[in-house]
Amino acid sequence: MNNPIETFYNWYRGAIRNPQYRWLVILGTALYLVSPVDLLPDFIPLIGVIDDSIVATLLLTELSSLAIGYLRDRRGVDIADSDIKTEDGTVIDVEAS
């Protein structure tokens, strides 16, 4: 059986990347963050903030990943391109070992 945290992460990531459900997941996450009903109650010092911080971090990570992907697609940047061009147009081939 999978780890429940990993299962939730994979579901969340798949749901937020699906254009049909993206805004519903974002809205649901925002409502969870401001809602007084939590998995771990907020009135418990330090422990009550853990679930909110994990969900907020997950949301920001996925939104930034989507934004970076959108900007790369819009600019037409090839991620696999390992050549770097200098200002004068010469190409520097970079090989990582």
C-alpha atoms as a PDB file:
ATOM      1  CA  MET A   1       0.000   0.000   0.000  1.00  0.00           C
ATOM      2  CA  ASN A   2       1.243   3.471  -0.846  1.00  0.00           C
ATOM      3  CA  ASN A   3       2.149   6.084   1.668  1.00  0.00           C
ATOM      4  CA  PRO A   4      -0.980   8.251   2.251  1.00  0.00           C
ATOM      5  CA  ILE A   5       1.041  11.453   1.967  1.00  0.00           C
ATOM      6  CA  GLU A   6       2.506  10.364  -1.361  1.00  0.00           C
ATOM      7  CA  THR A   7      -0.943   9.319  -2.568  1.00  0.00           C
ATOM      8  CA  PHE A   8      -2.392  12.723  -1.653  1.00  0.00           C
ATOM      9  CA  TYR A   9       0.516  14.511  -3.323  1.00  0.00           C
ATOM     10  CA  ASN A  10       0.090  12.543  -6.554  1.00  0.00           C
ATOM     11  CA  TRP A  11      -3.678  13.139  -6.562  1.00  0.00           C
ATOM     12  CA  TYR A  12      -3.251  16.864  -5.871  1.00  0.00           C
ATOM     13  CA  ARG A  13      -0.605  17.257  -8.537  1.00  0.00           C
ATOM     14  CA  GLY A  14      -2.712  15.428 -11.099  1.00  0.00           C
ATOM     15  CA  ALA A  15      -5.848  17.389 -10.200  1.00  0.00           C
ATOM     16  CA  ILE A  16      -4.179  20.805 -10.372  1.00  0.00           C
ATOM     17  CA  ARG A  17      -2.561  19.985 -13.730  1.00  0.00           C
ATOM     18  CA  ASN A  18      -5.928  19.011 -15.203  1.00  0.00           C
ATOM     19  CA  PRO A  19      -7.325  22.193 -16.799  1.00  0.00           C
ATOM     20  CA  GLN A  20     -10.890  21.085 -16.139  1.00  0.00           C
ATOM     21  CA  TYR A  21     -10.419  20.956 -12.343  1.00  0.00           C
ATOM     22  CA  ARG A  22      -7.555  23.423 -11.836  1.00  0.00           C
ATOM     23  CA  TRP A  23      -9.543  26.393 -10.529  1.00  0.00           C
ATOM     24  CA  LEU A  24     -11.750  24.170  -8.410  1.00  0.00           C
ATOM     25  CA  VAL A  25      -8.670  22.684  -6.691  1.00  0.00           C
ATOM     26  CA  ILE A  26      -7.114  26.134  -6.202  1.00  0.00           C
ATOM     27  CA  LEU A  27     -10.340  27.495  -4.744  1.00  0.00           C
ATOM     28  CA  GLY A  28     -10.733  24.435  -2.497  1.00  0.00           C
ATOM     29  CA  THR A  29      -7.167  24.819  -1.253  1.00  0.00           C
ATOM     30  CA  ALA A  30      -7.671  28.508  -0.518  1.00  0.00           C
ATOM     31  CA  LEU A  31     -10.893  27.736   1.361  1.00  0.00           C
ATOM     32  CA  TYR A  32      -9.107  25.047   3.390  1.00  0.00           C
ATOM     33  CA  LEU A  33      -6.378  27.510   4.343  1.00  0.00           C
ATOM     34  CA  VAL A  34      -8.829  30.115   5.674  1.00  0.00           C
ATOM     35  CA  SER A  35     -11.318  27.633   7.126  1.00  0.00           C
ATOM     36  CA  PRO A  36     -11.389  27.100  10.898  1.00  0.00           C
ATOM     37  CA  VAL A  37     -11.989  23.370  10.279  1.00  0.00           C
ATOM     38  CA  ASP A  38      -8.631  21.661   9.741  1.00  0.00           C
ATOM     39  CA  LEU A  39      -7.058  18.242   9.887  1.00  0.00           C
ATOM     40  CA  LEU A  40      -4.944  19.508  12.795  1.00  0.00           C
ATOM     41  CA  PRO A  41      -6.742  22.228  14.818  1.00  0.00           C
ATOM     42  CA  ASP A  42      -5.048  25.625  14.728  1.00  0.00           C
ATOM     43  CA  PHE A  43      -5.461  26.282  18.442  1.00  0.00           C
ATOM     44  CA  ILE A  44      -2.729  23.705  19.203  1.00  0.00           C
ATOM     45  CA  PRO A  45       0.563  25.650  19.161  1.00  0.00           C
ATOM     46  CA  LEU A  46       2.950  24.754  16.316  1.00  0.00           C
ATOM     47  CA  ILE A  47       1.208  21.484  15.432  1.00  0.00           C
ATOM     48  CA  GLY A  48      -1.901  23.307  14.232  1.00  0.00           C
ATOM     49  CA  VAL A  49       0.074  25.205  11.632  1.00  0.00           C
ATOM     50  CA  ILE A  50       1.733  22.137  10.105  1.00  0.00           C
ATOM     51  CA  ASP A  51      -1.139  21.049   7.859  1.00  0.00           C
ATOM     52  CA  ASP A  52      -1.790  24.604   6.669  1.00  0.00           C
ATOM     53  CA  SER A  53       1.877  25.179   5.848  1.00  0.00           C
ATOM     54  CA  ILE A  54       2.143  21.874   3.971  1.00  0.00           C
ATOM     55  CA  VAL A  55      -0.947  22.609   1.881  1.00  0.00           C
ATOM     56  CA  ALA A  56       0.171  26.204   1.217  1.00  0.00           C
ATOM     57  CA  THR A  57       3.633  25.018   0.174  1.00  0.00           C
ATOM     58  CA  LEU A  58       2.123  22.388  -2.104  1.00  0.00           C
ATOM     59  CA  LEU A  59      -0.167  24.952  -3.720  1.00  0.00           C
ATOM     60  CA  LEU A  60       2.632  27.487  -4.275  1.00  0.00           C
ATOM     61  CA  THR A  61       4.977  24.832  -5.652  1.00  0.00           C
ATOM     62  CA  GLU A  62       2.459  23.556  -8.156  1.00  0.00           C
ATOM     63  CA  LEU A  63       1.322  27.040  -9.210  1.00  0.00           C
ATOM     64  CA  SER A  64       4.914  28.156  -9.758  1.00  0.00           C
ATOM     65  CA  SER A  65       5.592  25.003 -11.771  1.00  0.00           C
ATOM     66  CA  LEU A  66       2.545  25.674 -13.921  1.00  0.00           C
ATOM     67  CA  ALA A  67       3.565  29.312 -14.399  1.00  0.00           C
ATOM     68  CA  ILE A  68       7.110  28.379 -15.420  1.00  0.00           C
ATOM     69  CA  GLY A  69       5.791  25.782 -17.860  1.00  0.00           C
ATOM     70  CA  TYR A  70       3.336  28.304 -19.320  1.00  0.00           C
ATOM     71  CA  LEU A  71       6.077  30.911 -19.784  1.00  0.00           C
ATOM     72  CA  ARG A  72       8.415  28.381 -21.392  1.00  0.00           C
ATOM     73  CA  ASP A  73       5.677  27.277 -23.788  1.00  0.00           C
ATOM     74  CA  ARG A  74       4.814  30.864 -24.620  1.00  0.00           C
ATOM     75  CA  ARG A  75       8.414  31.832 -25.319  1.00  0.00           C
ATOM     76  CA  GLY A  76       9.148  28.610 -27.185  1.00  0.00           C
ATOM     77  CA  VAL A  77      12.142  27.716 -25.029  1.00  0.00           C
ATOM     78  CA  ASP A  78      13.365  24.163 -25.452  1.00  0.00           C
ATOM     79  CA  ILE A  79      14.175  22.747 -22.027  1.00  0.00           C
ATOM     80  CA  ALA A  80      16.461  20.064 -23.440  1.00  0.00           C
ATOM     81  CA  ASP A  81      18.607  22.632 -25.283  1.00  0.00           C
ATOM     82  CA  SER A  82      22.053  22.572 -23.686  1.00  0.00           C
ATOM     83  CA  ASP A  83      23.638  25.227 -25.899  1.00  0.00           C
ATOM     84  CA  ILE A  84      24.273  28.689 -24.508  1.00  0.00           C
ATOM     85  CA  LYS A  85      24.605  31.661 -26.835  1.00  0.00           C
ATOM     86  CA  THR A  86      26.719  34.656 -25.942  1.00  0.00           C
ATOM     87  CA  GLU A  87      25.899  38.242 -26.854  1.00  0.00           C
ATOM     88  CA  ASP A  88      27.869  38.079 -30.100  1.00  0.00           C
ATOM     89  CA  GLY A  89      25.997  34.942 -31.222  1.00  0.00           C
ATOM     90  CA  THR A  90      28.661  32.334 -30.648  1.00  0.00           C
ATOM     91  CA  VAL A  91      27.444  29.052 -29.210  1.00  0.00           C
ATOM     92  CA  ILE A  92      29.015  27.474 -26.159  1.00  0.00           C
ATOM     93  CA  ASP A  93      28.310  23.753 -25.892  1.00  0.00           C
ATOM     94  CA  VAL A  94      27.879  22.701 -22.251  1.00  0.00           C
ATOM     95  CA  GLU A  95      28.312  19.068 -21.248  1.00  0.00           C
ATOM     96  CA  ALA A  96      27.540  18.077 -17.680  1.00  0.00           C
ATOM     97  CA  SER A  97      29.328  15.090 -16.263  1.00  0.00           C
END
